[in-house]
Protein backbone atom coordinates (compact mmCIF):
# COMPACT_ATOMS: atom_id res chain seq x y z
CA MET A 1 -93.56 -252.23 21.86
CA PRO A 2 -96.23 -250.03 23.54
CA ASN A 3 -94.89 -247.05 25.32
CA PRO A 4 -97.47 -244.41 26.29
CA SER A 5 -95.64 -241.15 26.95
CA ALA A 6 -98.09 -240.22 29.74
CA GLY A 7 -100.83 -241.69 31.75
CA ARG A 8 -100.95 -244.83 33.88
CA THR A 9 -99.19 -248.10 33.36
CA ILE A 10 -100.12 -251.12 35.58
CA ILE A 11 -97.94 -254.20 36.01
CA HIS A 12 -100.42 -256.75 37.19
CA GLY A 13 -100.59 -260.40 38.10
CA GLY A 14 -97.01 -261.22 39.08
CA ARG A 15 -95.03 -261.90 42.24
CA LEU A 16 -93.24 -258.96 43.71
CA VAL A 17 -89.80 -259.39 45.13
CA ASN A 18 -88.92 -256.34 47.25
CA GLU A 19 -87.30 -255.49 50.59
CA GLY A 20 -87.10 -259.08 51.80
CA ARG A 21 -90.60 -260.15 50.79
CA VAL A 22 -92.02 -262.20 47.97
CA MET A 23 -95.72 -261.64 47.44
CA ASP A 24 -98.53 -261.24 44.94
CA GLY A 25 -98.71 -257.62 43.90
CA THR A 26 -99.26 -254.83 41.45
CA VAL A 27 -97.09 -251.89 40.48
CA VAL A 28 -98.74 -248.68 39.24
CA ILE A 29 -96.63 -246.22 37.22
CA GLU A 30 -97.36 -242.65 36.15
CA GLY A 31 -95.06 -240.12 34.69
CA GLY A 32 -91.98 -242.43 34.86
CA LYS A 33 -92.39 -243.03 38.56
CA ILE A 34 -93.93 -245.70 40.78
CA THR A 35 -97.15 -244.25 42.27
CA GLU A 36 -98.44 -247.34 44.11
CA VAL A 37 -97.17 -250.77 45.10
CA LEU A 38 -100.22 -252.93 45.96
CA THR A 39 -99.53 -256.14 47.77
CA SER A 40 -102.57 -257.95 46.48
CA HIS A 41 -104.13 -258.44 43.07
CA PHE A 42 -107.10 -256.44 42.08
CA SER A 43 -109.09 -255.70 38.93
CA PRO A 44 -106.96 -253.13 37.14
CA LEU A 45 -108.26 -249.56 36.98
CA PRO A 46 -108.57 -247.96 33.58
CA SER A 47 -105.10 -247.29 32.23
CA ASP A 48 -103.13 -246.57 29.14
CA ASP A 49 -101.18 -249.80 29.41
CA VAL A 50 -101.75 -252.99 31.38
CA ILE A 51 -98.75 -255.33 31.50
CA ASP A 52 -99.78 -258.89 32.29
CA ALA A 53 -97.08 -260.31 34.56
CA LYS A 54 -98.86 -263.62 35.28
CA GLY A 55 -96.21 -266.29 35.93
CA CYS A 56 -93.42 -263.68 36.27
CA PHE A 57 -91.51 -262.24 39.18
CA ILE A 58 -91.46 -258.44 39.33
CA LEU A 59 -88.05 -257.10 40.57
CA PRO A 60 -86.52 -253.68 40.90
CA GLY A 61 -84.22 -252.96 37.96
CA VAL A 62 -80.71 -254.23 38.59
CA ILE A 63 -77.98 -251.71 39.44
CA ASP A 64 -74.64 -252.99 38.16
CA ASP A 65 -71.87 -251.20 40.12
CA HIS A 66 -69.00 -252.44 37.91
CA VAL A 67 -68.90 -252.29 34.11
CA HIS A 68 -66.36 -251.38 31.38
CA PHE A 69 -68.34 -250.13 28.41
CA ARG A 70 -65.07 -249.11 26.57
CA GLU A 71 -66.07 -245.64 25.45
CA PRO A 72 -64.27 -243.42 24.64
CA GLY A 73 -61.21 -244.77 22.90
CA LEU A 74 -61.79 -248.54 22.81
CA THR A 75 -65.01 -248.65 20.76
CA GLN A 76 -63.81 -251.41 18.45
CA LYS A 77 -64.62 -253.69 21.44
CA ALA A 78 -67.78 -252.08 22.78
CA ASP A 79 -69.46 -248.73 23.30
CA ILE A 80 -72.13 -247.18 25.42
CA ASP A 81 -74.86 -247.79 22.80
CA THR A 82 -74.23 -251.58 22.38
CA GLU A 83 -73.44 -252.38 25.95
CA SER A 84 -76.39 -250.47 27.41
CA MET A 85 -78.52 -252.45 24.95
CA ALA A 86 -77.10 -255.65 26.41
CA ALA A 87 -77.73 -254.30 29.89
CA ALA A 88 -81.37 -253.60 29.08
CA ALA A 89 -81.80 -257.11 27.73
CA GLY A 90 -80.29 -258.47 30.96
CA GLY A 91 -82.63 -256.58 33.26
CA ILE A 92 -80.08 -254.00 34.28
CA THR A 93 -81.47 -250.52 34.40
CA SER A 94 -78.54 -248.60 35.87
CA TYR A 95 -74.72 -248.99 35.64
CA PHE A 96 -71.57 -247.41 36.96
CA ASP A 97 -68.80 -247.43 34.30
CA MET A 98 -65.08 -247.66 35.14
CA PRO A 99 -62.44 -245.01 34.34
CA ASN A 100 -59.84 -247.02 32.39
CA THR A 101 -60.92 -245.71 29.00
CA VAL A 102 -58.91 -243.63 26.50
CA PRO A 103 -58.57 -240.96 27.72
CA GLN A 104 -58.80 -242.16 31.27
CA THR A 105 -61.62 -240.63 33.35
CA THR A 106 -59.15 -238.96 35.68
CA THR A 107 -59.87 -235.27 34.92
CA LEU A 108 -63.01 -233.24 35.35
CA GLN A 109 -63.13 -232.66 31.60
CA ALA A 110 -62.93 -236.37 30.77
CA LEU A 111 -65.74 -237.07 33.24
CA GLU A 112 -67.97 -234.43 31.76
CA GLU A 113 -67.31 -235.68 28.29
CA LYS A 114 -68.29 -239.23 29.25
CA LEU A 115 -71.54 -237.99 30.92
CA GLN A 116 -72.40 -236.09 27.71
CA LEU A 117 -71.74 -239.20 25.62
CA ALA A 118 -74.02 -241.31 27.81
CA ALA A 119 -76.75 -238.69 27.66
CA ARG A 120 -76.88 -239.22 23.92
CA LYS A 121 -76.25 -242.94 23.68
CA SER A 122 -77.14 -244.91 26.83
CA HIS A 123 -80.39 -246.81 26.72
CA VAL A 124 -80.52 -247.27 30.49
CA ASN A 125 -79.46 -245.08 33.46
CA TYR A 126 -75.80 -244.30 33.83
CA SER A 127 -72.99 -242.90 35.92
CA PHE A 128 -69.15 -243.04 35.92
CA PHE A 129 -66.48 -243.53 38.53
CA PHE A 130 -63.70 -240.94 38.69
CA GLY A 131 -60.29 -242.64 38.54
CA ALA A 132 -57.60 -242.03 41.14
CA THR A 133 -53.96 -241.60 39.94
CA ASN A 134 -50.65 -240.81 41.62
CA ASP A 135 -51.14 -237.11 41.18
CA ASN A 136 -54.81 -236.11 40.85
CA VAL A 137 -55.95 -236.19 44.55
CA ASP A 138 -56.45 -232.44 44.47
CA SER A 139 -59.28 -232.96 41.89
CA PHE A 140 -61.35 -234.90 44.47
CA SER A 141 -62.61 -231.78 46.19
CA GLN A 142 -63.74 -230.32 42.84
CA LEU A 143 -66.04 -233.22 42.03
CA ASP A 144 -69.83 -232.86 42.11
CA ALA A 145 -70.65 -235.67 44.54
CA SER A 146 -74.21 -235.86 43.32
CA ARG A 147 -73.03 -237.01 39.85
CA ILE A 148 -70.71 -239.88 40.60
CA PRO A 149 -70.82 -243.08 42.66
CA GLY A 150 -67.28 -242.69 43.93
CA ILE A 151 -63.62 -242.94 43.23
CA LYS A 152 -61.99 -245.96 41.57
CA LEU A 153 -58.47 -246.99 42.60
CA PHE A 154 -56.37 -249.62 40.91
CA MET A 155 -53.90 -251.10 43.49
CA GLY A 156 -52.78 -253.63 40.87
CA SER A 157 -53.71 -254.81 37.33
CA SER A 158 -53.44 -251.48 35.60
CA THR A 159 -50.92 -249.55 33.58
CA GLY A 160 -49.41 -246.12 33.56
CA ASN A 161 -50.64 -243.55 36.02
CA MET A 162 -53.70 -245.55 37.06
CA LEU A 163 -51.64 -248.15 38.85
CA VAL A 164 -51.20 -246.70 42.38
CA ASP A 165 -49.27 -248.91 44.72
CA GLY A 166 -46.74 -246.56 46.32
CA GLN A 167 -47.36 -246.13 50.03
CA GLN A 168 -47.18 -242.36 50.02
CA ALA A 169 -49.68 -242.00 47.18
CA LEU A 170 -52.07 -244.54 48.73
CA GLU A 171 -51.96 -242.79 52.10
CA ARG A 172 -52.89 -239.47 50.42
CA ILE A 173 -55.78 -241.03 48.49
CA PHE A 174 -57.27 -242.88 51.47
CA SER A 175 -56.92 -239.86 53.74
CA THR A 176 -58.42 -237.43 51.24
CA CYS A 177 -61.30 -239.46 49.69
CA LYS A 178 -64.68 -238.69 51.24
CA LEU A 179 -66.69 -240.54 48.65
CA PRO A 180 -66.91 -244.38 48.39
CA LEU A 181 -63.49 -245.68 47.27
CA MET A 182 -63.84 -248.76 45.09
CA VAL A 183 -60.46 -250.62 44.87
CA HIS A 184 -59.08 -253.31 42.62
CA CYS A 185 -56.65 -255.17 44.99
CA GLU A 186 -53.80 -257.19 43.63
CA ASP A 187 -50.08 -256.99 44.53
CA THR A 188 -48.15 -256.20 41.41
CA ALA A 189 -44.82 -257.27 42.75
CA ILE A 190 -46.13 -260.76 43.71
CA ILE A 191 -47.76 -261.13 40.25
CA GLN A 192 -44.56 -260.15 38.53
CA ARG A 193 -42.59 -262.67 40.62
CA ASN A 194 -45.03 -265.44 39.82
CA MET A 195 -45.07 -264.56 36.16
CA ALA A 196 -41.23 -264.74 35.97
CA GLU A 197 -41.32 -268.22 37.59
CA ALA A 198 -44.01 -269.45 35.21
CA GLN A 199 -42.19 -268.07 32.14
CA GLY A 200 -39.01 -269.85 33.31
CA ALA A 201 -40.86 -273.15 33.22
CA TRP A 202 -43.33 -272.62 30.39
CA GLY A 203 -41.94 -269.97 28.07
CA ASP A 204 -42.96 -266.40 27.35
CA ASP A 205 -46.75 -267.04 27.25
CA PRO A 206 -47.59 -269.61 30.01
CA PRO A 207 -50.83 -271.56 29.43
CA VAL A 208 -53.99 -269.85 30.69
CA SER A 209 -54.57 -272.76 33.13
CA LEU A 210 -51.77 -271.13 35.24
CA HIS A 211 -53.53 -267.72 35.45
CA ALA A 212 -54.76 -268.37 38.99
CA MET A 213 -51.31 -269.37 40.11
CA ILE A 214 -49.76 -266.21 38.66
CA ARG A 215 -52.44 -263.83 39.86
CA SER A 216 -52.51 -265.78 43.06
CA GLU A 217 -54.46 -265.84 46.30
CA GLU A 218 -51.34 -264.31 48.01
CA ALA A 219 -51.42 -261.41 45.59
CA CYS A 220 -55.05 -260.64 46.26
CA LEU A 221 -54.87 -261.10 50.00
CA SER A 222 -51.75 -259.04 50.43
CA SER A 223 -53.27 -256.06 48.55
CA THR A 224 -56.73 -256.29 50.20
CA GLN A 225 -55.09 -256.45 53.66
CA LYS A 226 -53.27 -253.23 52.84
CA ALA A 227 -56.44 -251.52 51.54
CA VAL A 228 -58.54 -252.59 54.62
CA ALA A 229 -55.78 -251.37 56.99
CA LEU A 230 -55.57 -247.97 55.26
CA ALA A 231 -59.38 -247.65 55.30
CA LYS A 232 -59.52 -248.37 59.03
CA LYS A 233 -56.63 -245.91 59.66
CA TYR A 234 -58.32 -243.04 57.84
CA GLY A 235 -61.98 -243.84 58.20
CA THR A 236 -62.30 -244.28 54.42
CA ARG A 237 -65.52 -245.69 52.97
CA LEU A 238 -63.88 -248.70 51.20
CA HIS A 239 -65.57 -251.05 48.74
CA VAL A 240 -63.32 -253.86 47.53
CA ALA A 241 -64.11 -254.93 43.99
CA HIS A 242 -64.42 -258.51 42.65
CA VAL A 243 -63.24 -260.45 45.73
CA SER A 244 -61.97 -263.78 44.45
CA THR A 245 -60.51 -265.72 47.44
CA ALA A 246 -61.81 -267.37 50.57
CA GLU A 247 -58.96 -265.79 52.52
CA GLU A 248 -60.04 -262.21 51.64
CA LEU A 249 -63.53 -262.91 52.93
CA GLU A 250 -62.07 -263.16 56.41
CA LEU A 251 -61.27 -259.46 56.29
CA PHE A 252 -64.93 -258.37 56.07
CA GLU A 253 -67.62 -258.13 58.61
CA PRO A 254 -71.28 -258.88 57.71
CA TYR A 255 -72.75 -255.69 56.37
CA THR A 256 -75.42 -253.82 58.33
CA VAL A 257 -78.15 -251.54 57.00
CA ARG A 258 -79.22 -248.35 58.69
CA GLY A 259 -82.25 -246.76 56.99
CA ASP A 260 -81.45 -246.63 53.33
CA SER A 261 -77.66 -246.93 53.75
CA VAL A 262 -75.19 -249.76 54.18
CA ALA A 263 -73.69 -248.69 57.49
CA THR A 264 -70.58 -250.95 57.34
CA PRO A 265 -67.52 -248.88 56.46
CA VAL A 266 -65.67 -251.62 54.64
CA THR A 267 -67.65 -253.76 52.09
CA ALA A 268 -66.99 -256.31 49.37
CA GLU A 269 -68.32 -256.97 45.90
CA ALA A 270 -68.67 -260.41 44.27
CA CYS A 271 -68.86 -260.67 40.50
CA VAL A 272 -70.93 -263.24 38.68
CA GLY A 273 -68.00 -264.90 36.93
CA TYR A 274 -66.32 -265.88 40.20
CA LEU A 275 -69.64 -267.22 41.52
CA TYR A 276 -70.35 -269.29 38.41
CA PHE A 277 -66.96 -270.52 37.15
CA THR A 278 -63.83 -271.97 38.74
CA GLN A 279 -60.28 -272.18 37.37
CA LEU A 280 -61.04 -275.71 36.22
CA ASP A 281 -63.33 -274.14 33.58
CA HIS A 282 -60.23 -272.88 31.73
CA GLU A 283 -60.02 -276.43 30.40
CA ARG A 284 -63.19 -276.03 28.29
CA LEU A 285 -63.36 -272.23 27.92
CA GLY A 286 -59.67 -271.28 27.71
CA ALA A 287 -59.02 -267.56 27.92
CA LYS A 288 -62.70 -266.65 27.49
CA ILE A 289 -62.85 -266.63 31.30
CA LYS A 290 -59.42 -265.09 31.82
CA VAL A 291 -60.08 -262.14 34.07
CA ASN A 292 -58.18 -260.08 36.66
CA PRO A 293 -58.14 -261.07 39.48
CA ALA A 294 -58.13 -264.69 38.26
CA ILE A 295 -61.09 -266.96 38.81
CA LYS A 296 -59.82 -269.40 41.45
CA THR A 297 -60.54 -272.84 43.03
CA PRO A 298 -63.81 -274.56 43.71
CA VAL A 299 -63.21 -273.97 47.40
CA ASP A 300 -62.96 -270.21 46.75
CA GLN A 301 -66.15 -270.30 44.72
CA PHE A 302 -67.91 -272.25 47.45
CA MET A 303 -66.93 -269.74 50.13
CA LEU A 304 -67.95 -266.79 47.92
CA ARG A 305 -71.33 -268.39 47.43
CA GLN A 306 -71.66 -268.88 51.16
CA SER A 307 -70.82 -265.26 51.77
CA LEU A 308 -73.80 -264.10 49.67
CA SER A 309 -76.05 -265.20 52.53
CA ASP A 310 -73.87 -264.53 55.56
CA GLY A 311 -73.49 -260.88 54.77
CA ARG A 312 -69.78 -260.56 54.03
CA ILE A 313 -70.56 -259.80 50.38
CA SER A 314 -72.76 -256.72 50.02
CA VAL A 315 -73.07 -256.31 46.26
CA ILE A 316 -73.08 -258.51 43.12
CA GLY A 317 -71.70 -256.82 39.98
CA THR A 318 -70.42 -258.08 36.68
CA ASP A 319 -67.05 -256.44 35.87
CA HIS A 320 -68.43 -256.61 32.31
CA ALA A 321 -65.27 -256.16 30.21
CA PRO A 322 -65.65 -257.05 26.51
CA HIS A 323 -62.68 -257.73 24.21
CA LEU A 324 -62.68 -258.83 20.58
CA LEU A 325 -62.43 -262.63 20.36
CA GLU A 326 -59.04 -262.43 18.60
CA GLN A 327 -57.74 -260.48 21.62
CA LYS A 328 -58.67 -263.40 23.87
CA GLN A 329 -56.33 -265.88 22.12
CA GLY A 330 -53.19 -267.05 23.81
CA GLY A 331 -52.08 -267.66 27.37
CA CYS A 332 -51.38 -265.73 30.58
CA MET A 333 -49.35 -263.00 28.78
CA LYS A 334 -51.00 -262.63 25.37
CA ALA A 335 -54.73 -263.17 25.98
CA ALA A 336 -56.55 -260.05 27.18
CA SER A 337 -58.23 -260.28 30.58
CA GLY A 338 -61.96 -259.56 30.91
CA MET A 339 -65.22 -261.08 29.69
CA PRO A 340 -68.72 -259.76 28.78
CA MET A 341 -71.43 -260.70 31.29
CA VAL A 342 -73.85 -257.81 31.61
CA GLN A 343 -76.53 -259.44 29.44
CA PHE A 344 -76.55 -262.68 31.30
CA SER A 345 -75.75 -261.74 34.95
CA LEU A 346 -79.34 -261.72 36.29
CA VAL A 347 -80.40 -264.96 34.69
CA THR A 348 -77.13 -266.58 35.84
CA MET A 349 -77.76 -265.55 39.46
CA LEU A 350 -81.41 -266.73 39.17
CA GLU A 351 -79.94 -270.15 38.18
CA LEU A 352 -78.06 -270.06 41.46
CA VAL A 353 -81.37 -269.31 43.14
CA ASP A 354 -82.69 -272.57 41.66
CA GLU A 355 -79.64 -274.38 42.99
CA GLY A 356 -80.31 -273.09 46.50
CA VAL A 357 -77.23 -270.95 46.70
CA LEU A 358 -79.28 -267.89 47.70
CA SER A 359 -82.94 -266.84 47.88
CA ILE A 360 -84.53 -264.60 45.29
CA ALA A 361 -85.09 -262.01 48.01
CA ARG A 362 -81.38 -262.02 48.79
CA LEU A 363 -80.51 -261.75 45.10
CA VAL A 364 -82.64 -258.58 44.92
CA GLU A 365 -80.93 -257.19 48.01
CA LEU A 366 -77.45 -257.77 46.56
CA MET A 367 -78.19 -256.66 42.94
CA CYS A 368 -80.76 -253.91 43.44
CA HIS A 369 -81.17 -252.64 47.00
CA ASN A 370 -77.54 -252.69 48.23
CA PRO A 371 -75.95 -250.94 45.26
CA ALA A 372 -78.48 -248.13 45.79
CA ARG A 373 -77.87 -248.11 49.60
CA LEU A 374 -74.05 -248.28 49.42
CA PHE A 375 -73.56 -245.54 46.85
CA GLY A 376 -76.41 -243.34 47.86
CA VAL A 377 -78.41 -243.75 44.64
CA GLU A 378 -81.40 -241.39 44.71
CA ARG A 379 -84.80 -242.98 44.27
CA ARG A 380 -83.83 -246.17 42.53
CA GLY A 381 -83.22 -249.80 43.53
CA PHE A 382 -86.57 -250.47 45.23
CA LEU A 383 -90.20 -250.91 44.28
CA ARG A 384 -91.47 -247.94 46.33
CA PRO A 385 -93.98 -245.11 45.56
CA GLY A 386 -92.14 -242.02 44.47
CA TYR A 387 -89.20 -243.96 43.12
CA GLN A 388 -88.24 -244.11 39.46
CA ALA A 389 -90.05 -246.97 37.72
CA ASP A 390 -87.03 -249.13 37.04
CA VAL A 391 -88.58 -252.59 36.91
CA VAL A 392 -87.73 -255.98 35.42
CA LEU A 393 -90.04 -258.96 34.77
CA VAL A 394 -88.39 -262.39 34.80
CA ARG A 395 -90.10 -265.62 34.00
CA PRO A 396 -89.05 -269.02 35.43
CA ARG A 397 -89.32 -272.32 33.59
CA SER A 398 -88.94 -270.57 30.23
CA PRO A 399 -85.94 -272.36 28.60
CA TRP A 400 -83.79 -270.65 25.99
CA MET A 401 -80.21 -271.06 24.72
CA VAL A 402 -77.45 -268.43 24.34
CA THR A 403 -76.50 -268.30 20.68
CA LYS A 404 -74.55 -265.70 18.79
CA ASP A 405 -77.59 -264.04 17.37
CA VAL A 406 -78.91 -263.11 20.81
CA ILE A 407 -75.62 -261.51 22.04
CA LEU A 408 -75.90 -257.70 21.93
CA SER A 409 -72.42 -256.77 23.13
CA ARG A 410 -70.32 -255.47 20.28
CA CYS A 411 -67.64 -258.09 20.86
CA GLY A 412 -70.08 -260.72 19.59
CA TRP A 413 -69.26 -263.59 21.93
CA SER A 414 -69.98 -264.81 25.46
CA PRO A 415 -68.58 -267.51 27.77
CA MET A 416 -72.24 -268.55 28.14
CA GLU A 417 -72.66 -269.54 24.49
CA GLY A 418 -74.40 -272.90 24.21
CA HIS A 419 -75.81 -272.65 27.76
CA GLU A 420 -79.51 -273.22 28.24
CA TYR A 421 -81.12 -270.95 30.81
CA GLN A 422 -84.44 -271.72 32.56
CA TRP A 423 -85.09 -268.11 33.46
CA ARG A 424 -85.86 -265.36 30.90
CA VAL A 425 -85.77 -261.63 31.19
CA GLU A 426 -89.22 -260.84 29.71
CA ARG A 427 -89.42 -257.10 30.00
CA THR A 428 -87.24 -254.30 31.32
CA LEU A 429 -88.73 -250.82 32.15
CA CYS A 430 -86.41 -247.87 32.70
CA ASN A 431 -88.11 -244.80 34.18
CA GLY A 432 -91.47 -246.36 33.29
CA HIS A 433 -90.49 -246.86 29.67
CA THR A 434 -90.32 -250.36 28.22
CA VAL A 435 -86.80 -250.44 26.91
CA TYR A 436 -86.68 -254.16 26.32
CA CYS A 437 -89.41 -256.69 25.53
CA ASP A 438 -89.81 -259.77 23.38
CA GLY A 439 -86.13 -259.84 22.48
CA GLN A 440 -86.12 -256.28 21.22
CA VAL A 441 -84.44 -253.14 22.62
CA ASP A 442 -86.06 -249.76 22.07
CA THR A 443 -82.95 -248.00 20.78
CA SER A 444 -84.79 -244.68 20.47
CA TYR A 445 -84.89 -244.40 24.24
CA THR A 446 -82.12 -242.88 26.41
CA GLY A 447 -81.81 -243.41 30.11
CA GLU A 448 -81.20 -240.82 32.75
CA GLU A 449 -78.09 -239.62 34.60
CA ILE A 450 -78.13 -241.17 38.08
CA VAL A 451 -78.23 -238.76 41.05
CA PHE A 452 -76.43 -239.58 44.30
CA GLN A 453 -76.95 -238.53 47.93
CA HIS A 454 -73.71 -239.35 49.60
CA LYS A 455 -73.49 -239.02 53.32
CA LEU A 456 -70.14 -237.20 53.46
């Protein structure tokens, strides 16, 4: 694939989707940055590379605020190399990885080691959340806020020191954290009670169809209510991960934007799996779509979809979490929770655009602009002069089917296998470099560490 190291690249002939507008336009790139965004077509000036985008939509590169790339320590499932390849193929140019690796990203040393790994292995731009534990709050003040999106807190669905659900520890974290605090909200005691009841009726490993009953709406709502109350008490900048229930949505106000920031202090993330599947899909896909929190009812899905346009959801992520297929066998106890979606998240959401669930301009706001605004990402997430040239070209009415040979995640499977998409990611540029085109990833390329400008 052509990749001039210097000079001018012109993306010409497509439809730009940027900052609420859809229009004919041209993007001019030099030195890895966007130098001009022209809102009409013109005869291209002499350049080193002219990318013909006729028939395509030109979007900012997607920023996925929620992935588990499994490195270090769990690389039999995935690693930064393979999963960033999958991200590039999916139009994702930047990602924030979660701290529940081995070792956990809960010390300054572990964070630095992860950043060094990504500098060598990541094919798109990268950053990592720092994980909160019961006893590492004093580390928060030592973090370089320009290098991380925020702090990740598990108020349920974790093990060991990363499960924080004691009131005293939570009060200390919420009162101390000055960065965005991204929280997984489930009430462990409620889940344990539900599991005991299910095991009494169904045996040690209840069928996966009961997953949404065990990891119930009550468990999610109780924990999210607690997190929102603590955030309001201490003025914490709270971001609730993977909201899964209609009831939780009632806790969030429509987000507001002030300049290049999301001004709303409490925000919510939706993940693609909850927008696309319902618990009824366990009948055909079994534990392949077993995730925590559980995917819930068609009513919950409908309300989550509605909230994409009414402002209660501010960001769409993936919670990309690969496991080996043999680890996904069994029921509610034995099958691992988590599924890979990073390669197919953008095309799945574009499918919902075709269904009228949201507009393509709103999709770009939720997947590109708002992650940048909410986490203070410096010079990414928009098609603007002076910004890094993270750009994706997507083509409608270009059918293709998900088969094993196109899956780039190391785990080698996807819940989307056999599905025919009508949208195709045609090209992904990361810092002006074509990292994905014509089904191929340029594995010689490494992305950049993301820089943040938090308003502390």
